[in-house]
Amino acid sequence: MIAVLGLVLGIVIGVLTRPVVPTGLEVYLPIAVVAALDAVFGGLRARLDGKFDDKVFVVSFLSNVVVAALIVFLGDQLGVGAQLSVGVVVVFGIRIFSNVTAIRRHVFRA
């Protein structure tokens, strides 16, 4: 319940304050969101499997975002940032759909 309240509070604060992302960091925002979504769906799946651990979730959430940002940063430095961004989105997308499939099986027993 605390997590849901935190999510609602975060959304309300974001809508009211309209934060501005600096131009230099705009490239990393979509990658960070996809990485964070992967951790959220992985946490939900672990919860349904009865294996959820808050420490693992927090570490997974933060490490996903940091590693994804570092990969895109490295790609930018090498001049292939767009290609690595697509790669990161594909990998996290596959993981998200895999977790959503497992969640669907738990919820609908199908």
PDB file of N, CA and C in Angstrom:
ATOM      1  N   MET A   1       0.827  -1.200   0.000  1.00  0.00           N
ATOM      2  CA  MET A   1       0.000   0.000   0.000  1.00  0.00           C
ATOM      3  C   MET A   1       0.864   1.253   0.000  1.00  0.00           C
ATOM      4  N   ILE A   2       1.984   1.195   0.701  1.00  0.00           N
ATOM      5  CA  ILE A   2       2.879   2.349   0.746  1.00  0.00           C
ATOM      6  C   ILE A   2       3.429   2.642  -0.645  1.00  0.00           C
ATOM      7  N   ALA A   3       3.738   1.584  -1.391  1.00  0.00           N
ATOM      8  CA  ALA A   3       4.263   1.768  -2.744  1.00  0.00           C
ATOM      9  C   ALA A   3       3.238   2.451  -3.640  1.00  0.00           C
ATOM     10  N   VAL A   4       1.980   2.066  -3.535  1.00  0.00           N
ATOM     11  CA  VAL A   4       0.919   2.675  -4.343  1.00  0.00           C
ATOM     12  C   VAL A   4       0.753   4.142  -3.965  1.00  0.00           C
ATOM     13  N   LEU A   5       0.777   4.439  -2.684  1.00  0.00           N
ATOM     14  CA  LEU A   5       0.673   5.836  -2.241  1.00  0.00           C
ATOM     15  C   LEU A   5       1.869   6.651  -2.748  1.00  0.00           C
ATOM     16  N   GLY A   6       3.054   6.050  -2.702  1.00  0.00           N
ATOM     17  CA  GLY A   6       4.246   6.729  -3.216  1.00  0.00           C
ATOM     18  C   GLY A   6       4.143   6.988  -4.703  1.00  0.00           C
ATOM     19  N   LEU A   7       3.608   6.027  -5.444  1.00  0.00           N
ATOM     20  CA  LEU A   7       3.422   6.197  -6.885  1.00  0.00           C
ATOM     21  C   LEU A   7       2.436   7.321  -7.177  1.00  0.00           C
ATOM     22  N   VAL A   8       1.315   7.311  -6.485  1.00  0.00           N
ATOM     23  CA  VAL A   8       0.304   8.360  -6.686  1.00  0.00           C
ATOM     24  C   VAL A   8       0.880   9.726  -6.314  1.00  0.00           C
ATOM     25  N   LEU A   9       1.586   9.802  -5.199  1.00  0.00           N
ATOM     26  CA  LEU A   9       2.197  11.064  -4.775  1.00  0.00           C
ATOM     27  C   LEU A   9       3.218  11.545  -5.817  1.00  0.00           C
ATOM     28  N   GLY A  10       4.022  10.628  -6.337  1.00  0.00           N
ATOM     29  CA  GLY A  10       5.008  10.992  -7.354  1.00  0.00           C
ATOM     30  C   GLY A  10       4.359  11.513  -8.624  1.00  0.00           C
ATOM     31  N   ILE A  11       3.281  10.885  -9.038  1.00  0.00           N
ATOM     32  CA  ILE A  11       2.567  11.335 -10.243  1.00  0.00           C
ATOM     33  C   ILE A  11       1.979  12.725 -10.016  1.00  0.00           C
ATOM     34  N   VAL A  12       1.363  12.932  -8.856  1.00  0.00           N
ATOM     35  CA  VAL A  12       0.764  14.244  -8.544  1.00  0.00           C
ATOM     36  C   VAL A  12       1.846  15.323  -8.525  1.00  0.00           C
ATOM     37  N   ILE A  13       2.958  15.051  -7.875  1.00  0.00           N
ATOM     38  CA  ILE A  13       4.045  16.036  -7.822  1.00  0.00           C
ATOM     39  C   ILE A  13       4.576  16.325  -9.218  1.00  0.00           C
ATOM     40  N   GLY A  14       4.732  15.284 -10.031  1.00  0.00           N
ATOM     41  CA  GLY A  14       5.221  15.475 -11.399  1.00  0.00           C
ATOM     42  C   GLY A  14       4.276  16.308 -12.245  1.00  0.00           C
ATOM     43  N   VAL A  15       2.980  16.057 -12.105  1.00  0.00           N
ATOM     44  CA  VAL A  15       1.985  16.818 -12.878  1.00  0.00           C
ATOM     45  C   VAL A  15       1.944  18.270 -12.424  1.00  0.00           C
ATOM     46  N   LEU A  16       2.044  18.499 -11.122  1.00  0.00           N
ATOM     47  CA  LEU A  16       1.953  19.861 -10.604  1.00  0.00           C
ATOM     48  C   LEU A  16       3.218  20.680 -10.875  1.00  0.00           C
ATOM     49  N   THR A  17       4.385  20.054 -10.783  1.00  0.00           N
ATOM     50  CA  THR A  17       5.628  20.824 -10.918  1.00  0.00           C
ATOM     51  C   THR A  17       6.170  20.862 -12.340  1.00  0.00           C
ATOM     52  N   ARG A  18       5.713  19.943 -13.198  1.00  0.00           N
ATOM     53  CA  ARG A  18       6.176  19.885 -14.592  1.00  0.00           C
ATOM     54  C   ARG A  18       7.704  19.984 -14.679  1.00  0.00           C
ATOM     55  N   PRO A  19       8.424  18.981 -14.177  1.00  0.00           N
ATOM     56  CA  PRO A  19       9.892  19.055 -14.205  1.00  0.00           C
ATOM     57  C   PRO A  19      10.425  19.097 -15.635  1.00  0.00           C
ATOM     58  N   VAL A  20      11.515  19.811 -15.820  1.00  0.00           N
ATOM     59  CA  VAL A  20      12.140  19.954 -17.136  1.00  0.00           C
ATOM     60  C   VAL A  20      13.418  19.109 -17.151  1.00  0.00           C
ATOM     61  N   VAL A  21      13.530  18.270 -18.155  1.00  0.00           N
ATOM     62  CA  VAL A  21      14.721  17.435 -18.303  1.00  0.00           C
ATOM     63  C   VAL A  21      15.748  18.231 -19.098  1.00  0.00           C
ATOM     64  N   PRO A  22      16.971  18.357 -18.584  1.00  0.00           N
ATOM     65  CA  PRO A  22      18.001  19.078 -19.333  1.00  0.00           C
ATOM     66  C   PRO A  22      18.242  18.434 -20.698  1.00  0.00           C
ATOM     67  N   THR A  23      18.549  19.247 -21.678  1.00  0.00           N
ATOM     68  CA  THR A  23      18.720  18.787 -23.058  1.00  0.00           C
ATOM     69  C   THR A  23      19.740  17.658 -23.158  1.00  0.00           C
ATOM     70  N   GLY A  24      20.818  17.741 -22.432  1.00  0.00           N
ATOM     71  CA  GLY A  24      21.857  16.723 -22.501  1.00  0.00           C
ATOM     72  C   GLY A  24      21.434  15.373 -21.948  1.00  0.00           C
ATOM     73  N   LEU A  25      20.387  15.369 -21.138  1.00  0.00           N
ATOM     74  CA  LEU A  25      19.934  14.119 -20.526  1.00  0.00           C
ATOM     75  C   LEU A  25      18.680  13.539 -21.184  1.00  0.00           C
ATOM     76  N   GLU A  26      18.123  14.249 -22.169  1.00  0.00           N
ATOM     77  CA  GLU A  26      16.898  13.784 -22.817  1.00  0.00           C
ATOM     78  C   GLU A  26      17.069  12.422 -23.475  1.00  0.00           C
ATOM     79  N   VAL A  27      18.258  12.135 -23.959  1.00  0.00           N
ATOM     80  CA  VAL A  27      18.533  10.859 -24.618  1.00  0.00           C
ATOM     81  C   VAL A  27      18.389   9.698 -23.639  1.00  0.00           C
ATOM     82  N   TYR A  28      18.723   9.928 -22.377  1.00  0.00           N
ATOM     83  CA  TYR A  28      18.747   8.867 -21.389  1.00  0.00           C
ATOM     84  C   TYR A  28      17.388   8.603 -20.743  1.00  0.00           C
ATOM     85  N   LEU A  29      16.468   9.546 -20.815  1.00  0.00           N
ATOM     86  CA  LEU A  29      15.178   9.400 -20.145  1.00  0.00           C
ATOM     87  C   LEU A  29      14.366   8.208 -20.642  1.00  0.00           C
ATOM     88  N   PRO A  30      14.167   8.027 -21.950  1.00  0.00           N
ATOM     89  CA  PRO A  30      13.387   6.867 -22.389  1.00  0.00           C
ATOM     90  C   PRO A  30      14.040   5.541 -21.993  1.00  0.00           C
ATOM     91  N   ILE A  31      15.358   5.493 -22.052  1.00  0.00           N
ATOM     92  CA  ILE A  31      16.079   4.275 -21.684  1.00  0.00           C
ATOM     93  C   ILE A  31      15.896   4.003 -20.190  1.00  0.00           C
ATOM     94  N   ALA A  32      15.978   5.037 -19.385  1.00  0.00           N
ATOM     95  CA  ALA A  32      15.799   4.874 -17.940  1.00  0.00           C
ATOM     96  C   ALA A  32      14.373   4.421 -17.615  1.00  0.00           C
ATOM     97  N   VAL A  33      13.396   4.945 -18.337  1.00  0.00           N
ATOM     98  CA  VAL A  33      12.005   4.553 -18.101  1.00  0.00           C
ATOM     99  C   VAL A  33      11.799   3.087 -18.449  1.00  0.00           C
ATOM    100  N   VAL A  34      12.326   2.648 -19.587  1.00  0.00           N
ATOM    101  CA  VAL A  34      12.178   1.245 -19.988  1.00  0.00           C
ATOM    102  C   VAL A  34      12.889   0.326 -18.987  1.00  0.00           C
ATOM    103  N   ALA A  35      14.075   0.723 -18.543  1.00  0.00           N
ATOM    104  CA  ALA A  35      14.805  -0.079 -17.555  1.00  0.00           C
ATOM    105  C   ALA A  35      14.042  -0.145 -16.234  1.00  0.00           C
ATOM    106  N   ALA A  36      13.454   0.969 -15.830  1.00  0.00           N
ATOM    107  CA  ALA A  36      12.677   0.991 -14.597  1.00  0.00           C
ATOM    108  C   ALA A  36      11.416   0.136 -14.727  1.00  0.00           C
ATOM    109  N   LEU A  37      10.765   0.191 -15.880  1.00  0.00           N
ATOM    110  CA  LEU A  37       9.585  -0.641 -16.101  1.00  0.00           C
ATOM    111  C   LEU A  37       9.933  -2.121 -16.035  1.00  0.00           C
ATOM    112  N   ASP A  38      11.104  -2.482 -16.550  1.00  0.00           N
ATOM    113  CA  ASP A  38      11.546  -3.867 -16.462  1.00  0.00           C
ATOM    114  C   ASP A  38      11.654  -4.299 -15.004  1.00  0.00           C
ATOM    115  N   ALA A  39      12.237  -3.462 -14.178  1.00  0.00           N
ATOM    116  CA  ALA A  39      12.371  -3.795 -12.757  1.00  0.00           C
ATOM    117  C   ALA A  39      11.006  -3.877 -12.081  1.00  0.00           C
ATOM    118  N   VAL A  40      10.089  -2.989 -12.434  1.00  0.00           N
ATOM    119  CA  VAL A  40       8.755  -2.988 -11.821  1.00  0.00           C
ATOM    120  C   VAL A  40       8.007  -4.271 -12.185  1.00  0.00           C
ATOM    121  N   PHE A  41       7.997  -4.627 -13.467  1.00  0.00           N
ATOM    122  CA  PHE A  41       7.305  -5.850 -13.868  1.00  0.00           C
ATOM    123  C   PHE A  41       7.997  -7.093 -13.316  1.00  0.00           C
ATOM    124  N   GLY A  42       9.316  -7.055 -13.217  1.00  0.00           N
ATOM    125  CA  GLY A  42      10.038  -8.161 -12.592  1.00  0.00           C
ATOM    126  C   GLY A  42       9.681  -8.286 -11.129  1.00  0.00           C
ATOM    127  N   GLY A  43       9.534  -7.167 -10.440  1.00  0.00           N
ATOM    128  CA  GLY A  43       9.132  -7.181  -9.032  1.00  0.00           C
ATOM    129  C   GLY A  43       7.719  -7.706  -8.851  1.00  0.00           C
ATOM    130  N   LEU A  44       6.826  -7.310  -9.738  1.00  0.00           N
ATOM    131  CA  LEU A  44       5.448  -7.795  -9.671  1.00  0.00           C
ATOM    132  C   LEU A  44       5.404  -9.304  -9.919  1.00  0.00           C
ATOM    133  N   ARG A  45       6.177  -9.754 -10.884  1.00  0.00           N
ATOM    134  CA  ARG A  45       6.238 -11.197 -11.155  1.00  0.00           C
ATOM    135  C   ARG A  45       6.796 -11.952  -9.940  1.00  0.00           C
ATOM    136  N   ALA A  46       7.856 -11.421  -9.350  1.00  0.00           N
ATOM    137  CA  ALA A  46       8.434 -12.066  -8.169  1.00  0.00           C
ATOM    138  C   ALA A  46       7.424 -12.097  -7.025  1.00  0.00           C
ATOM    139  N   ARG A  47       6.650 -11.052  -6.890  1.00  0.00           N
ATOM    140  CA  ARG A  47       5.621 -10.997  -5.848  1.00  0.00           C
ATOM    141  C   ARG A  47       4.584 -12.096  -6.047  1.00  0.00           C
ATOM    142  N   LEU A  48       4.158 -12.270  -7.289  1.00  0.00           N
ATOM    143  CA  LEU A  48       3.179 -13.312  -7.589  1.00  0.00           C
ATOM    144  C   LEU A  48       3.766 -14.711  -7.422  1.00  0.00           C
ATOM    145  N   ASP A  49       5.071 -14.844  -7.661  1.00  0.00           N
ATOM    146  CA  ASP A  49       5.754 -16.133  -7.479  1.00  0.00           C
ATOM    147  C   ASP A  49       6.077 -16.402  -6.010  1.00  0.00           C
ATOM    148  N   GLY A  50       5.872 -15.402  -5.153  1.00  0.00           N
ATOM    149  CA  GLY A  50       6.182 -15.541  -3.738  1.00  0.00           C
ATOM    150  C   GLY A  50       7.666 -15.431  -3.431  1.00  0.00           C
ATOM    151  N   LYS A  51       8.423 -14.775  -4.329  1.00  0.00           N
ATOM    152  CA  LYS A  51       9.871 -14.649  -4.173  1.00  0.00           C
ATOM    153  C   LYS A  51      10.333 -13.196  -4.052  1.00  0.00           C
ATOM    154  N   PHE A  52       9.409 -12.290  -3.799  1.00  0.00           N
ATOM    155  CA  PHE A  52       9.757 -10.870  -3.783  1.00  0.00           C
ATOM    156  C   PHE A  52      10.631 -10.530  -2.580  1.00  0.00           C
ATOM    157  N   ASP A  53      11.663  -9.745  -2.850  1.00  0.00           N
ATOM    158  CA  ASP A  53      12.541  -9.233  -1.789  1.00  0.00           C
ATOM    159  C   ASP A  53      12.780  -7.756  -2.085  1.00  0.00           C
ATOM    160  N   ASP A  54      12.451  -6.883  -1.125  1.00  0.00           N
ATOM    161  CA  ASP A  54      12.573  -5.445  -1.393  1.00  0.00           C
ATOM    162  C   ASP A  54      13.996  -5.028  -1.715  1.00  0.00           C
ATOM    163  N   LYS A  55      14.987  -5.614  -1.073  1.00  0.00           N
ATOM    164  CA  LYS A  55      16.375  -5.239  -1.351  1.00  0.00           C
ATOM    165  C   LYS A  55      16.758  -5.604  -2.779  1.00  0.00           C
ATOM    166  N   VAL A  56      16.343  -6.793  -3.204  1.00  0.00           N
ATOM    167  CA  VAL A  56      16.624  -7.223  -4.575  1.00  0.00           C
ATOM    168  C   VAL A  56      15.926  -6.287  -5.562  1.00  0.00           C
ATOM    169  N   PHE A  57      14.690  -5.896  -5.245  1.00  0.00           N
ATOM    170  CA  PHE A  57      13.954  -5.001  -6.131  1.00  0.00           C
ATOM    171  C   PHE A  57      14.656  -3.653  -6.272  1.00  0.00           C
ATOM    172  N   VAL A  58      15.051  -3.071  -5.156  1.00  0.00           N
ATOM    173  CA  VAL A  58      15.712  -1.752  -5.197  1.00  0.00           C
ATOM    174  C   VAL A  58      17.029  -1.837  -5.957  1.00  0.00           C
ATOM    175  N   VAL A  59      17.816  -2.865  -5.673  1.00  0.00           N
ATOM    176  CA  VAL A  59      19.097  -3.032  -6.373  1.00  0.00           C
ATOM    177  C   VAL A  59      18.860  -3.266  -7.862  1.00  0.00           C
ATOM    178  N   SER A  60      17.873  -4.086  -8.196  1.00  0.00           N
ATOM    179  CA  SER A  60      17.542  -4.346  -9.600  1.00  0.00           C
ATOM    180  C   SER A  60      17.097  -3.066 -10.301  1.00  0.00           C
ATOM    181  N   PHE A  61      16.226  -2.317  -9.640  1.00  0.00           N
ATOM    182  CA  PHE A  61      15.716  -1.067 -10.207  1.00  0.00           C
ATOM    183  C   PHE A  61      16.862  -0.103 -10.503  1.00  0.00           C
ATOM    184  N   LEU A  62      17.690   0.143  -9.506  1.00  0.00           N
ATOM    185  CA  LEU A  62      18.786   1.106  -9.673  1.00  0.00           C
ATOM    186  C   LEU A  62      19.841   0.605 -10.651  1.00  0.00           C
ATOM    187  N   SER A  63      20.198  -0.671 -10.564  1.00  0.00           N
ATOM    188  CA  SER A  63      21.241  -1.180 -11.461  1.00  0.00           C
ATOM    189  C   SER A  63      20.750  -1.216 -12.901  1.00  0.00           C
ATOM    190  N   ASN A  64      19.492  -1.553 -13.138  1.00  0.00           N
ATOM    191  CA  ASN A  64      18.955  -1.522 -14.499  1.00  0.00           C
ATOM    192  C   ASN A  64      19.086  -0.128 -15.105  1.00  0.00           C
ATOM    193  N   VAL A  65      18.675   0.867 -14.352  1.00  0.00           N
ATOM    194  CA  VAL A  65      18.717   2.243 -14.857  1.00  0.00           C
ATOM    195  C   VAL A  65      20.154   2.694 -15.086  1.00  0.00           C
ATOM    196  N   VAL A  66      21.034   2.416 -14.139  1.00  0.00           N
ATOM    197  CA  VAL A  66      22.430   2.859 -14.261  1.00  0.00           C
ATOM    198  C   VAL A  66      23.141   2.148 -15.413  1.00  0.00           C
ATOM    199  N   VAL A  67      22.978   0.836 -15.508  1.00  0.00           N
ATOM    200  CA  VAL A  67      23.650   0.086 -16.577  1.00  0.00           C
ATOM    201  C   VAL A  67      23.117   0.506 -17.947  1.00  0.00           C
ATOM    202  N   ALA A  68      21.810   0.677 -18.069  1.00  0.00           N
ATOM    203  CA  ALA A  68      21.243   1.117 -19.348  1.00  0.00           C
ATOM    204  C   ALA A  68      21.775   2.498 -19.728  1.00  0.00           C
ATOM    205  N   ALA A  69      21.833   3.412 -18.777  1.00  0.00           N
ATOM    206  CA  ALA A  69      22.360   4.752 -19.056  1.00  0.00           C
ATOM    207  C   ALA A  69      23.835   4.695 -19.430  1.00  0.00           C
ATOM    208  N   LEU A  70      24.601   3.854 -18.756  1.00  0.00           N
ATOM    209  CA  LEU A  70      26.024   3.720 -19.086  1.00  0.00           C
ATOM    210  C   LEU A  70      26.239   3.149 -20.486  1.00  0.00           C
ATOM    211  N   ILE A  71      25.409   2.188 -20.866  1.00  0.00           N
ATOM    212  CA  ILE A  71      25.523   1.624 -22.216  1.00  0.00           C
ATOM    213  C   ILE A  71      25.233   2.688 -23.260  1.00  0.00           C
ATOM    214  N   VAL A  72      24.190   3.472 -23.053  1.00  0.00           N
ATOM    215  CA  VAL A  72      23.862   4.531 -24.014  1.00  0.00           C
ATOM    216  C   VAL A  72      24.941   5.607 -24.005  1.00  0.00           C
ATOM    217  N   PHE A  73      25.462   5.959 -22.829  1.00  0.00           N
ATOM    218  CA  PHE A  73      26.549   6.938 -22.742  1.00  0.00           C
ATOM    219  C   PHE A  73      27.771   6.449 -23.512  1.00  0.00           C
ATOM    220  N   LEU A  74      28.131   5.191 -23.312  1.00  0.00           N
ATOM    221  CA  LEU A  74      29.260   4.618 -24.033  1.00  0.00           C
ATOM    222  C   LEU A  74      29.009   4.650 -25.536  1.00  0.00           C
ATOM    223  N   GLY A  75      27.791   4.332 -25.933  1.00  0.00           N
ATOM    224  CA  GLY A  75      27.433   4.409 -27.359  1.00  0.00           C
ATOM    225  C   GLY A  75      27.564   5.814 -27.900  1.00  0.00           C
ATOM    226  N   ASP A  76      27.156   6.808 -27.113  1.00  0.00           N
ATOM    227  CA  ASP A  76      27.304   8.209 -27.535  1.00  0.00           C
ATOM    228  C   ASP A  76      28.780   8.562 -27.713  1.00  0.00           C
ATOM    229  N   GLN A  77      29.604   8.096 -26.798  1.00  0.00           N
ATOM    230  CA  GLN A  77      31.037   8.389 -26.891  1.00  0.00           C
ATOM    231  C   GLN A  77      31.670   7.724 -28.107  1.00  0.00           C
ATOM    232  N   LEU A  78      31.163   6.569 -28.485  1.00  0.00           N
ATOM    233  CA  LEU A  78      31.694   5.841 -29.644  1.00  0.00           C
ATOM    234  C   LEU A  78      31.031   6.253 -30.955  1.00  0.00           C
ATOM    235  N   GLY A  79      29.982   7.061 -30.847  1.00  0.00           N
ATOM    236  CA  GLY A  79      29.287   7.518 -32.047  1.00  0.00           C
ATOM    237  C   GLY A  79      28.208   6.569 -32.527  1.00  0.00           C
ATOM    238  N   VAL A  80      27.824   5.617 -31.708  1.00  0.00           N
ATOM    239  CA  VAL A  80      26.774   4.662 -32.079  1.00  0.00           C
ATOM    240  C   VAL A  80      25.677   4.638 -31.017  1.00  0.00           C
ATOM    241  N   GLY A  81      25.391   5.786 -30.443  1.00  0.00           N
ATOM    242  CA  GLY A  81      24.421   5.874 -29.354  1.00  0.00           C
ATOM    243  C   GLY A  81      23.034   5.413 -29.749  1.00  0.00           C
ATOM    244  N   ALA A  82      22.604   5.755 -30.959  1.00  0.00           N
ATOM    245  CA  ALA A  82      21.255   5.370 -31.392  1.00  0.00           C
ATOM    246  C   ALA A  82      21.135   3.855 -31.499  1.00  0.00           C
ATOM    247  N   GLN A  83      22.162   3.208 -32.037  1.00  0.00           N
ATOM    248  CA  GLN A  83      22.116   1.755 -32.191  1.00  0.00           C
ATOM    249  C   GLN A  83      22.098   1.058 -30.830  1.00  0.00           C
ATOM    250  N   LEU A  84      22.915   1.529 -29.909  1.00  0.00           N
ATOM    251  CA  LEU A  84      22.916   0.913 -28.579  1.00  0.00           C
ATOM    252  C   LEU A  84      21.625   1.211 -27.834  1.00  0.00           C
ATOM    253  N   SER A  85      21.040   2.373 -28.061  1.00  0.00           N
ATOM    254  CA  SER A  85      19.747   2.694 -27.436  1.00  0.00           C
ATOM    255  C   SER A  85      18.684   1.709 -27.906  1.00  0.00           C
ATOM    256  N   VAL A  86      18.674   1.439 -29.196  1.00  0.00           N
ATOM    257  CA  VAL A  86      17.711   0.478 -29.739  1.00  0.00           C
ATOM    258  C   VAL A  86      17.961  -0.904 -29.137  1.00  0.00           C
ATOM    259  N   GLY A  87      19.220  -1.283 -29.014  1.00  0.00           N
ATOM    260  CA  GLY A  87      19.555  -2.571 -28.418  1.00  0.00           C
ATOM    261  C   GLY A  87      19.067  -2.684 -26.984  1.00  0.00           C
ATOM    262  N   VAL A  88      19.263  -1.638 -26.219  1.00  0.00           N
ATOM    263  CA  VAL A  88      18.821  -1.636 -24.818  1.00  0.00           C
ATOM    264  C   VAL A  88      17.299  -1.741 -24.751  1.00  0.00           C
ATOM    265  N   VAL A  89      16.601  -0.994 -25.586  1.00  0.00           N
ATOM    266  CA  VAL A  89      15.135  -1.032 -25.585  1.00  0.00           C
ATOM    267  C   VAL A  89      14.640  -2.420 -25.985  1.00  0.00           C
ATOM    268  N   VAL A  90      15.290  -3.043 -26.972  1.00  0.00           N
ATOM    269  CA  VAL A  90      14.880  -4.381 -27.400  1.00  0.00           C
ATOM    270  C   VAL A  90      15.062  -5.387 -26.271  1.00  0.00           C
ATOM    271  N   VAL A  91      16.226  -5.362 -25.622  1.00  0.00           N
ATOM    272  CA  VAL A  91      16.496  -6.314 -24.541  1.00  0.00           C
ATOM    273  C   VAL A  91      15.510  -6.122 -23.390  1.00  0.00           C
ATOM    274  N   PHE A  92      15.328  -4.889 -22.953  1.00  0.00           N
ATOM    275  CA  PHE A  92      14.388  -4.652 -21.854  1.00  0.00           C
ATOM    276  C   PHE A  92      12.951  -4.929 -22.289  1.00  0.00           C
ATOM    277  N   GLY A  93      12.638  -4.644 -23.549  1.00  0.00           N
ATOM    278  CA  GLY A  93      11.301  -4.945 -24.060  1.00  0.00           C
ATOM    279  C   GLY A  93      10.997  -6.428 -24.013  1.00  0.00           C
ATOM    280  N   ILE A  94      11.966  -7.245 -24.409  1.00  0.00           N
ATOM    281  CA  ILE A  94      11.786  -8.695 -24.339  1.00  0.00           C
ATOM    282  C   ILE A  94      11.565  -9.131 -22.899  1.00  0.00           C
ATOM    283  N   ARG A  95      12.361  -8.585 -21.988  1.00  0.00           N
ATOM    284  CA  ARG A  95      12.215  -8.945 -20.570  1.00  0.00           C
ATOM    285  C   ARG A  95      10.859  -8.494 -20.021  1.00  0.00           C
ATOM    286  N   ILE A  96      10.411  -7.308 -20.415  1.00  0.00           N
ATOM    287  CA  ILE A  96       9.117  -6.804 -19.950  1.00  0.00           C
ATOM    288  C   ILE A  96       8.000  -7.726 -20.433  1.00  0.00           C
ATOM    289  N   PHE A  97       8.016  -8.078 -21.720  1.00  0.00           N
ATOM    290  CA  PHE A  97       6.966  -8.945 -22.245  1.00  0.00           C
ATOM    291  C   PHE A  97       7.013 -10.329 -21.618  1.00  0.00           C
ATOM    292  N   SER A  98       8.188 -10.819 -21.325  1.00  0.00           N
ATOM    293  CA  SER A  98       8.327 -12.107 -20.646  1.00  0.00           C
ATOM    294  C   SER A  98       7.703 -12.044 -19.248  1.00  0.00           C
ATOM    295  N   ASN A  99       7.980 -10.963 -18.527  1.00  0.00           N
ATOM    296  CA  ASN A  99       7.394 -10.793 -17.190  1.00  0.00           C
ATOM    297  C   ASN A  99       5.890 -10.599 -17.262  1.00  0.00           C
ATOM    298  N   VAL A 100       5.412  -9.844 -18.240  1.00  0.00           N
ATOM    299  CA  VAL A 100       3.970  -9.628 -18.387  1.00  0.00           C
ATOM    300  C   VAL A 100       3.273 -10.950 -18.714  1.00  0.00           C
ATOM    301  N   THR A 101       3.914 -11.791 -19.523  1.00  0.00           N
ATOM    302  CA  THR A 101       3.344 -13.099 -19.833  1.00  0.00           C
ATOM    303  C   THR A 101       3.212 -13.942 -18.570  1.00  0.00           C
ATOM    304  N   ALA A 102       4.251 -13.950 -17.735  1.00  0.00           N
ATOM    305  CA  ALA A 102       4.197 -14.711 -16.485  1.00  0.00           C
ATOM    306  C   ALA A 102       3.132 -14.142 -15.551  1.00  0.00           C
ATOM    307  N   ILE A 103       3.010 -12.823 -15.506  1.00  0.00           N
ATOM    308  CA  ILE A 103       1.988 -12.189 -14.665  1.00  0.00           C
ATOM    309  C   ILE A 103       0.598 -12.575 -15.160  1.00  0.00           C
ATOM    310  N   ARG A 104       0.406 -12.528 -16.467  1.00  0.00           N
ATOM    311  CA  ARG A 104      -0.887 -12.914 -17.053  1.00  0.00           C
ATOM    312  C   ARG A 104      -1.235 -14.350 -16.689  1.00  0.00           C
ATOM    313  N   ARG A 105      -0.236 -15.241 -16.742  1.00  0.00           N
ATOM    314  CA  ARG A 105      -0.486 -16.644 -16.390  1.00  0.00           C
ATOM    315  C   ARG A 105      -0.908 -16.778 -14.929  1.00  0.00           C
ATOM    316  N   HIS A 106      -0.285 -15.979 -14.052  1.00  0.00           N
ATOM    317  CA  HIS A 106      -0.665 -16.029 -12.643  1.00  0.00           C
ATOM    318  C   HIS A 106      -2.081 -15.510 -12.424  1.00  0.00           C
ATOM    319  N   VAL A 107      -2.372 -14.387 -13.050  1.00  0.00           N
ATOM    320  CA  VAL A 107      -3.652 -13.720 -12.803  1.00  0.00           C
ATOM    321  C   VAL A 107      -4.816 -14.477 -13.434  1.00  0.00           C
ATOM    322  N   PHE A 108      -4.653 -14.895 -14.699  1.00  0.00           N
ATOM    323  CA  PHE A 108      -5.761 -15.525 -15.423  1.00  0.00           C
ATOM    324  C   PHE A 108      -5.664 -17.047 -15.475  1.00  0.00           C
ATOM    325  N   ARG A 109      -4.610 -17.590 -14.888  1.00  0.00           N
ATOM    326  CA  ARG A 109      -4.396 -19.035 -14.891  1.00  0.00           C
ATOM    327  C   ARG A 109      -4.416 -19.600 -16.307  1.00  0.00           C
ATOM    328  N   ALA A 110      -3.889 -18.798 -17.240  1.00  0.00           N
ATOM    329  CA  ALA A 110      -3.861 -19.242 -18.649  1.00  0.00           C
ATOM    330  C   ALA A 110      -2.543 -18.902 -19.288  1.00  0.00           C
TER     331      ALA A 110
END
